[in-house]
Structures are given as C-alpha cells and as structure tokens.
Amino acid sequence: MDAPFGARQVTELSFGATNILDEAPLNSASFSSAELIEFVTHRDPGADGGRQPADPSATATPRVSIVMPSYNHGHFIENSLLSVINQGYPNVELIVMDGGSADTTRAVLERYANDIAVWRSERDGGQSDALNKGFQAATGEIFGWLNSDDIYCPGAIAFAVDVFRNHPEVEVVYGDWYTLGLDHRITTRYFGLPYSRGQMITEGVFCNAQAMFWRQDLHRRFGEFDLRLHYTMDYDLILRLTGLAGADAFFRTPRPLGCFRVYPGQKTGSADEPVAIEHRLIADKLGTTWKYGLSGRAVRLLYRAKRVRDYYLRGGLEYVMWKLGVASNPVQGS
C-alpha cells in the first residue's frame, strides 16, 4: 500500500526556489553544430589526453575522473573520447569500462590506450555494474559520467573545476545540454532547471547526468549504482544526490556542458515498460511511492506547470510552444 502524502513529503516540495549561482546571462553561452563537430572529430594537437599526468605541475589542479561505460558503440566512442581528451584540462583521469563489445570498440580503445588511465573490455552485469567498477577505480576529487555515445562540450571540465574551487559549499555542478543526431548536429537545447527534489520525485529531471559533475566525497556517500537498474541509473543517481545535498550544494549554469545523442535503435528509445517498472522499484526503495497516489498526481501537475514557467523564463514563448507540440523546434539546424 502506498505511503500517505504527509509532512515528510511536504518538506521535499519546492516550487519557487532557485539555486543558480552563475551570474552570466541565461542564454549567453552556446555552441554551434560546426564547433561541436570539429571538437569531436579532430584531435587537438596540444591535448594531454586522459591519463594521470606525468607533469608534476599538473598535480596542482584537482584531478577529475570521468567514467565512460560502453557496449557496442564503436561508431560513437571515438567522438566521446575526443570530447574528453580535447578538454585541454591537465589532470583528467579517463576510465572506460566496456562490456565486451563485439564491434570496433576494442580497436578504438587500443588506439587511444595512451590517453586512457584505465580501460577494460569484458563481460559485465550491465551498465550499472560498469559504472560501479569505473567509480571504484576513480581517484579524482571530482567525478563525471559520460556515456560512450554522448559528448562533453568544449571547456566543460575546466568550468566545473573553477566552480568547485570558488564555491567550496558546492557539491554538484550542472548546466544546459544539447541533443545530437547521428551526424553530431544539434537537434535541441535543453535547459538545466532549478534544483527541486519534489520535481525529481513526481514530474521529471531538472538536469542531465551527461552535463553534470560532482565531488568524490558526495559519490562515496551515494554508494553504488543499483544493479537492478538498466535504464534509469541516471534518475536514481540524481534523485539520491538530492537526498544527500540540498539546493545550496547544487550549482546551476546556463552554459551547455554536455550533449546527449538521440538516434533510432538506442537503448532508451523503446523501453517505456521497463523504465516504468524501474521507476516503481526506485520509489519502493526510496519510500516515494506516495507519488503514485491521488495527491502525488496532483503535485505532479503543479510541477508540470512549474516546468512550463521555467521553460518560458529561459526560452521564451517560442520554446514553450515547441515543447507543447504546436510550434517548430527553435533550435533545429543551428
């Protein structure tokens, strides 16, 4: 039986709080498709790669560990690797956990072996298992998770490091993100929205894991990814982090930090029923099954209205109309 909606649930709701600390104009930072294509298809001659640096001076910068789970993404993984290597940040630890891919993935990893701190290609228990193995091997002060068909935007790592340095109270940095097609061209810009645990529980995400970085200490408190989850590990991660850190610990920037690729046949494209089952499992585990009741559905409508408001504040009426399905995509083809 679902737990009743009561005082505990009320404390998880927030409809107007903002956690944005970045003082840049909301739409001041952007990248073009041409910039992203160049960034992920050509190696920067000055890039140091993703191994622990040999240069002693690099140890003055916080180490950033990027974990990349992979399985049969041979067509994409080189672009993902280059989006880390080309960051130009001097102390990146790139860790790739491949589930024994049968395509060209292993050949790509061998070609970039000098740029990768740790990589394995072996059968595993799924993406959650790969993430756990990767983060167990991570030694950085700051963590990131990048899927092997997604990419980081230029300068994302250095930007996040600067925030963590300047704001010791911050435990999570997140920003806007783009969706990309098979040709690396931008199809949509999504906005990072104000921190809201209540919105995460009842209505949907306010950030994307591919456009997010967090401190090692917070991850150790988070523990491990749930091996039962094969589609919703990112939702579980962000929701559990909001249970460990409040709004003041989340830094939101309008700068795009990452890109999520959308294409036919991808893992999450046709998995509505398994996703719904996993969301129920997460709710049972975290004690948020109240969201399935009448009061939870009412709260969801309030958060849906909040999302429309937030979209309007960031993207204007044209963006809202597109999200409602009554106007053309204002970002398509940029």
Protein backbone atom coordinates (compact mmCIF):
# COMPACT_ATOMS: atom_id res chain seq x y z
CA MET A 1 0.00 0.00 0.00
CA ASP A 2 1.34 3.44 -0.91
CA ALA A 3 2.57 5.60 1.93
CA PRO A 4 0.29 8.59 2.59
CA PHE A 5 1.23 12.07 1.46
CA GLY A 6 2.15 13.85 4.67
CA ALA A 7 4.58 16.14 6.48
CA ARG A 8 7.66 14.32 5.23
CA GLN A 9 6.55 14.72 1.63
CA VAL A 10 5.76 18.40 2.12
CA THR A 11 9.37 19.03 3.13
CA GLU A 12 10.51 17.62 -0.22
CA LEU A 13 8.45 20.10 -2.25
CA SER A 14 9.71 23.43 -3.54
CA PHE A 15 8.12 25.40 -6.33
CA GLY A 16 9.98 28.70 -6.45
CA ALA A 17 13.46 28.16 -5.04
CA THR A 18 16.39 28.92 -7.31
CA ASN A 19 19.92 27.65 -6.92
CA ILE A 20 21.54 29.42 -9.85
CA LEU A 21 24.84 30.95 -8.79
CA ASP A 22 26.27 31.69 -12.21
CA GLU A 23 25.80 35.39 -12.91
CA ALA A 24 26.16 35.06 -16.69
CA PRO A 25 23.08 35.99 -18.76
CA LEU A 26 20.83 32.98 -19.04
CA ASN A 27 21.38 32.41 -22.76
CA SER A 28 24.88 33.88 -23.05
CA ALA A 29 26.74 30.60 -23.62
CA SER A 30 26.15 28.40 -26.63
CA PHE A 31 27.93 26.26 -29.20
CA SER A 32 27.17 25.72 -32.86
CA SER A 33 26.94 22.35 -34.57
CA ALA A 34 30.08 23.22 -36.53
CA GLU A 35 32.03 23.87 -33.31
CA LEU A 36 30.92 20.57 -31.77
CA ILE A 37 31.66 18.59 -34.93
CA GLU A 38 35.20 19.99 -35.06
CA PHE A 39 35.67 19.34 -31.35
CA VAL A 40 34.79 15.62 -31.50
CA THR A 41 36.22 14.67 -34.91
CA HIS A 42 39.72 16.16 -34.74
CA ARG A 43 42.26 15.80 -32.00
CA ASP A 44 43.68 18.99 -30.56
CA PRO A 45 47.48 18.71 -31.07
CA GLY A 46 48.03 20.22 -27.63
CA ALA A 47 45.68 17.85 -25.78
CA ASP A 48 47.28 15.83 -22.99
CA GLY A 49 44.77 13.00 -23.00
CA GLY A 50 43.07 11.29 -20.09
CA ARG A 51 45.91 9.62 -18.22
CA GLN A 52 47.28 10.67 -14.84
CA PRO A 53 49.71 13.46 -15.84
CA ALA A 54 53.47 12.96 -15.74
CA ASP A 55 53.99 16.71 -15.38
CA PRO A 56 54.32 17.42 -11.60
CA SER A 57 52.84 20.90 -12.05
CA ALA A 58 49.56 19.34 -13.16
CA THR A 59 49.03 17.93 -9.67
CA ALA A 60 48.29 21.48 -8.54
CA THR A 61 44.95 21.15 -10.31
CA PRO A 62 42.22 18.89 -8.91
CA ARG A 63 42.06 15.53 -10.63
CA VAL A 64 38.81 14.92 -12.50
CA SER A 65 37.78 11.29 -13.02
CA ILE A 66 35.49 10.63 -15.99
CA VAL A 67 33.89 7.19 -16.11
CA MET A 68 32.67 6.01 -19.51
CA PRO A 69 30.57 2.82 -19.63
CA SER A 70 30.42 1.30 -23.09
CA TYR A 71 28.86 -1.51 -25.08
CA ASN A 72 28.87 -1.82 -28.88
CA HIS A 73 29.25 1.90 -29.50
CA GLY A 74 32.11 1.56 -31.94
CA HIS A 75 30.59 4.20 -34.23
CA PHE A 76 30.49 6.79 -31.43
CA ILE A 77 33.11 6.08 -28.80
CA GLU A 78 35.98 7.86 -30.57
CA ASN A 79 33.94 11.07 -30.57
CA SER A 80 33.18 10.60 -26.87
CA LEU A 81 36.85 10.01 -26.09
CA LEU A 82 37.91 13.08 -28.06
CA SER A 83 35.38 15.21 -26.20
CA VAL A 84 37.30 14.36 -23.01
CA ILE A 85 40.81 14.43 -24.47
CA ASN A 86 40.24 17.78 -26.21
CA GLN A 87 39.10 19.48 -23.00
CA GLY A 88 42.65 20.72 -22.52
CA TYR A 89 42.40 20.20 -18.76
CA PRO A 90 45.75 18.98 -17.41
CA ASN A 91 44.61 16.45 -14.80
CA VAL A 92 41.91 14.18 -16.22
CA GLU A 93 41.64 10.51 -15.33
CA LEU A 94 39.64 8.82 -18.11
CA ILE A 95 38.25 5.40 -17.20
CA VAL A 96 36.44 3.25 -19.78
CA MET A 97 34.51 0.14 -18.77
CA ASP A 98 33.39 -1.77 -21.86
CA GLY A 99 31.07 -4.73 -21.56
CA GLY A 100 32.93 -6.93 -24.04
CA SER A 101 31.74 -5.22 -27.21
CA ALA A 102 31.63 -7.29 -30.41
CA ASP A 103 32.09 -4.32 -32.76
CA THR A 104 35.06 -1.98 -33.31
CA THR A 105 35.05 -0.58 -29.77
CA ARG A 106 38.08 -2.54 -28.58
CA ALA A 107 40.14 -1.43 -31.58
CA VAL A 108 39.30 2.21 -30.83
CA LEU A 109 40.26 1.77 -27.17
CA GLU A 110 43.57 0.18 -28.15
CA ARG A 111 44.27 3.11 -30.47
CA TYR A 112 43.66 5.59 -27.65
CA ALA A 113 45.25 3.49 -24.91
CA ASN A 114 47.86 6.17 -24.17
CA ASP A 115 45.07 8.64 -23.41
CA ILE A 116 43.07 6.39 -21.10
CA ALA A 117 44.07 5.85 -17.46
CA VAL A 118 42.12 2.59 -17.07
CA TRP A 119 40.16 0.55 -19.57
CA ARG A 120 38.70 -2.92 -19.63
CA SER A 121 36.71 -4.84 -22.21
CA GLU A 122 34.99 -7.79 -20.58
CA ARG A 123 31.52 -9.09 -19.92
CA ASP A 124 29.77 -7.35 -17.03
CA GLY A 125 26.42 -7.21 -15.32
CA GLY A 126 25.16 -4.24 -17.33
CA GLN A 127 25.66 -0.50 -17.29
CA SER A 128 25.19 -0.11 -13.54
CA ASP A 129 27.87 -2.74 -12.94
CA ALA A 130 30.22 -0.96 -15.37
CA LEU A 131 29.65 2.36 -13.59
CA ASN A 132 30.36 0.82 -10.20
CA LYS A 133 33.61 -0.72 -11.44
CA GLY A 134 34.65 2.56 -13.03
CA PHE A 135 33.99 4.73 -10.00
CA GLN A 136 35.66 2.18 -7.72
CA ALA A 137 38.83 2.71 -9.79
CA ALA A 138 38.48 6.51 -9.81
CA THR A 139 40.98 8.53 -7.76
CA GLY A 140 39.89 12.07 -8.64
CA GLU A 141 38.44 14.76 -6.41
CA ILE A 142 35.70 15.47 -8.95
CA PHE A 143 33.65 12.87 -10.83
CA GLY A 144 31.78 12.79 -14.11
CA TRP A 145 29.89 10.13 -16.06
CA LEU A 146 29.88 10.22 -19.86
CA ASN A 147 28.20 7.53 -21.92
CA SER A 148 30.14 6.28 -24.93
CA ASP A 149 27.65 7.72 -27.41
CA ASP A 150 27.47 11.16 -25.75
CA ILE A 151 29.97 14.04 -25.59
CA TYR A 152 31.10 16.91 -23.40
CA CYS A 153 31.01 20.48 -24.66
CA PRO A 154 34.30 22.38 -25.02
CA GLY A 155 35.64 23.71 -21.72
CA ALA A 156 33.10 21.85 -19.58
CA ILE A 157 35.63 20.26 -17.22
CA ALA A 158 37.64 23.44 -16.59
CA PHE A 159 34.42 25.36 -15.98
CA ALA A 160 33.22 22.84 -13.39
CA VAL A 161 36.60 22.79 -11.64
CA ASP A 162 36.56 26.59 -11.36
CA VAL A 163 33.13 26.46 -9.73
CA PHE A 164 34.22 23.84 -7.21
CA ARG A 165 37.33 25.85 -6.39
CA ASN A 166 35.48 29.12 -5.92
CA HIS A 167 32.48 27.64 -4.09
CA PRO A 168 33.60 25.06 -1.52
CA GLU A 169 29.99 24.60 -0.43
CA VAL A 170 29.03 23.33 -3.90
CA GLU A 171 28.91 19.55 -4.36
CA VAL A 172 27.25 19.30 -7.78
CA VAL A 173 27.69 21.44 -10.90
CA TYR A 174 25.18 21.08 -13.73
CA GLY A 175 24.17 23.02 -16.80
CA ASP A 176 22.25 23.01 -20.05
CA TRP A 177 22.68 20.22 -22.58
CA TYR A 178 22.08 19.59 -26.26
CA THR A 179 20.67 16.58 -28.03
CA LEU A 180 22.58 15.47 -31.12
CA GLY A 181 21.80 13.39 -34.17
CA LEU A 182 24.00 10.75 -35.78
CA ASP A 183 25.85 13.49 -37.66
CA HIS A 184 26.78 15.32 -34.41
CA ARG A 185 24.50 18.22 -35.33
CA ILE A 186 22.46 19.88 -32.59
CA THR A 187 18.77 18.99 -32.65
CA THR A 188 17.59 20.54 -29.38
CA ARG A 189 18.81 22.60 -26.44
CA TYR A 190 17.53 21.56 -23.04
CA PHE A 191 17.73 23.82 -20.03
CA GLY A 192 19.04 22.88 -16.62
CA LEU A 193 16.20 23.85 -14.29
CA PRO A 194 16.30 24.97 -10.64
CA TYR A 195 17.04 22.27 -8.08
CA SER A 196 13.88 20.55 -6.88
CA ARG A 197 13.76 17.19 -5.15
CA GLY A 198 9.98 17.27 -5.29
CA GLN A 199 10.07 17.71 -9.06
CA MET A 200 12.52 14.82 -9.39
CA ILE A 201 10.19 12.58 -7.41
CA THR A 202 6.91 13.45 -9.10
CA GLU A 203 7.42 15.04 -12.51
CA GLY A 204 10.86 14.60 -14.05
CA VAL A 205 14.53 15.52 -14.06
CA PHE A 206 15.89 19.05 -13.72
CA CYS A 207 19.35 18.15 -15.04
CA ASN A 208 21.14 15.58 -17.18
CA ALA A 209 23.93 13.29 -15.96
CA GLN A 210 25.99 13.97 -19.10
CA ALA A 211 26.04 17.68 -18.20
CA MET A 212 26.87 17.25 -14.52
CA PHE A 213 29.94 16.91 -12.28
CA TRP A 214 30.06 16.11 -8.56
CA ARG A 215 32.57 15.75 -5.75
CA GLN A 216 34.15 12.43 -4.87
CA ASP A 217 33.01 12.72 -1.25
CA LEU A 218 29.38 13.04 -2.32
CA HIS A 219 29.73 9.97 -4.53
CA ARG A 220 31.17 7.92 -1.69
CA ARG A 221 28.13 8.86 0.40
CA PHE A 222 25.92 7.92 -2.55
CA GLY A 223 27.43 4.45 -2.57
CA GLU A 224 26.85 2.28 -5.63
CA PHE A 225 24.52 2.15 -8.58
CA ASP A 226 21.68 -0.33 -8.21
CA LEU A 227 22.49 -3.41 -10.30
CA ARG A 228 18.78 -3.99 -10.88
CA LEU A 229 18.58 -0.80 -12.95
CA HIS A 230 19.38 -0.94 -16.67
CA TYR A 231 17.61 2.21 -17.94
CA THR A 232 17.12 4.63 -15.05
CA MET A 233 20.53 4.75 -13.36
CA ASP A 234 20.80 8.48 -14.09
CA TYR A 235 17.44 9.25 -12.49
CA ASP A 236 18.35 7.16 -9.45
CA LEU A 237 21.72 8.91 -9.16
CA ILE A 238 20.33 12.44 -9.30
CA LEU A 239 17.40 11.68 -7.01
CA ARG A 240 19.66 10.09 -4.40
CA LEU A 241 22.10 13.00 -4.62
CA THR A 242 19.24 15.42 -3.88
CA GLY A 243 18.61 13.38 -0.75
CA LEU A 244 22.22 13.89 0.32
CA ALA A 245 22.70 17.55 -0.65
CA GLY A 246 20.28 20.48 -0.64
CA ALA A 247 19.73 23.31 -3.10
CA ASP A 248 22.73 25.31 -1.83
CA ALA A 249 25.04 22.45 -2.83
CA PHE A 250 23.84 22.40 -6.45
CA PHE A 251 25.32 24.99 -8.82
CA ARG A 252 23.30 25.59 -11.98
CA THR A 253 24.76 27.34 -15.01
CA PRO A 254 23.12 28.28 -18.33
CA ARG A 255 26.30 27.14 -20.07
CA PRO A 256 25.82 23.86 -22.02
CA LEU A 257 28.16 21.27 -20.51
CA GLY A 258 27.26 18.11 -22.40
CA CYS A 259 25.36 16.52 -25.27
CA PHE A 260 23.02 13.53 -25.25
CA ARG A 261 22.76 11.67 -28.54
CA VAL A 262 19.32 10.64 -29.82
CA TYR A 263 19.07 8.13 -32.67
CA PRO A 264 16.97 5.18 -33.88
CA GLY A 265 17.60 1.93 -32.04
CA GLN A 266 19.29 3.39 -28.99
CA LYS A 267 18.84 1.62 -25.67
CA THR A 268 16.36 4.06 -24.11
CA GLY A 269 14.37 4.73 -27.28
CA SER A 270 11.80 1.92 -26.97
CA ALA A 271 11.81 0.87 -23.32
CA ASP A 272 8.70 2.51 -21.84
CA GLU A 273 7.56 -0.56 -19.90
CA PRO A 274 10.97 -1.46 -18.38
CA VAL A 275 11.52 2.20 -17.48
CA ALA A 276 8.16 2.34 -15.69
CA ILE A 277 9.00 -0.85 -13.78
CA GLU A 278 12.35 0.57 -12.71
CA HIS A 279 10.78 3.85 -11.58
CA ARG A 280 8.46 1.85 -9.36
CA LEU A 281 11.42 -0.09 -7.99
CA ILE A 282 13.22 3.18 -7.17
CA ALA A 283 10.09 4.55 -5.48
CA ASP A 284 9.76 1.41 -3.37
CA LYS A 285 13.42 1.61 -2.40
CA LEU A 286 13.42 5.32 -1.52
CA GLY A 287 9.98 5.50 0.07
CA THR A 288 8.42 7.77 -2.57
CA THR A 289 5.54 5.56 -3.69
CA TRP A 290 3.18 8.32 -2.49
CA LYS A 291 3.74 9.92 -5.90
CA TYR A 292 1.51 7.26 -7.48
CA GLY A 293 -1.45 8.23 -5.32
CA LEU A 294 -4.02 10.94 -5.96
CA SER A 295 -2.12 13.59 -4.00
CA GLY A 296 1.10 12.68 -5.77
CA ARG A 297 -0.56 13.08 -9.18
CA ALA A 298 -1.88 16.48 -8.11
CA VAL A 299 1.62 17.56 -7.06
CA ARG A 300 2.90 16.35 -10.42
CA LEU A 301 0.54 18.73 -12.20
CA LEU A 302 1.87 21.62 -10.13
CA TYR A 303 5.42 20.73 -11.06
CA ARG A 304 4.43 20.39 -14.70
CA ALA A 305 3.15 23.97 -14.53
CA LYS A 306 6.44 24.99 -12.89
CA ARG A 307 8.35 23.37 -15.76
CA VAL A 308 6.35 25.38 -18.29
CA ARG A 309 7.14 28.55 -16.33
CA ASP A 310 10.84 27.69 -16.18
CA TYR A 311 10.92 26.95 -19.91
CA TYR A 312 9.29 30.31 -20.58
CA LEU A 313 11.80 32.15 -18.40
CA ARG A 314 14.70 30.51 -20.23
CA GLY A 315 13.46 30.04 -23.77
CA GLY A 316 10.51 32.37 -24.20
CA LEU A 317 7.11 31.64 -25.69
CA GLU A 318 8.53 30.04 -28.85
CA TYR A 319 10.33 27.39 -26.81
CA VAL A 320 7.25 26.65 -24.71
CA MET A 321 5.06 26.35 -27.79
CA TRP A 322 7.54 23.90 -29.30
CA LYS A 323 7.58 21.81 -26.11
CA LEU A 324 3.79 21.75 -26.22
CA GLY A 325 3.97 20.44 -29.78
CA VAL A 326 2.34 23.41 -31.50
CA ALA A 327 5.41 25.14 -32.99
CA SER A 328 8.60 24.19 -34.81
CA ASN A 329 11.83 23.44 -32.97
CA PRO A 330 13.56 26.81 -32.32
CA VAL A 331 16.99 25.14 -32.16
CA GLN A 332 16.82 22.65 -35.05
CA GLY A 333 19.60 23.07 -37.58
CA SER A 334 21.75 25.50 -35.59
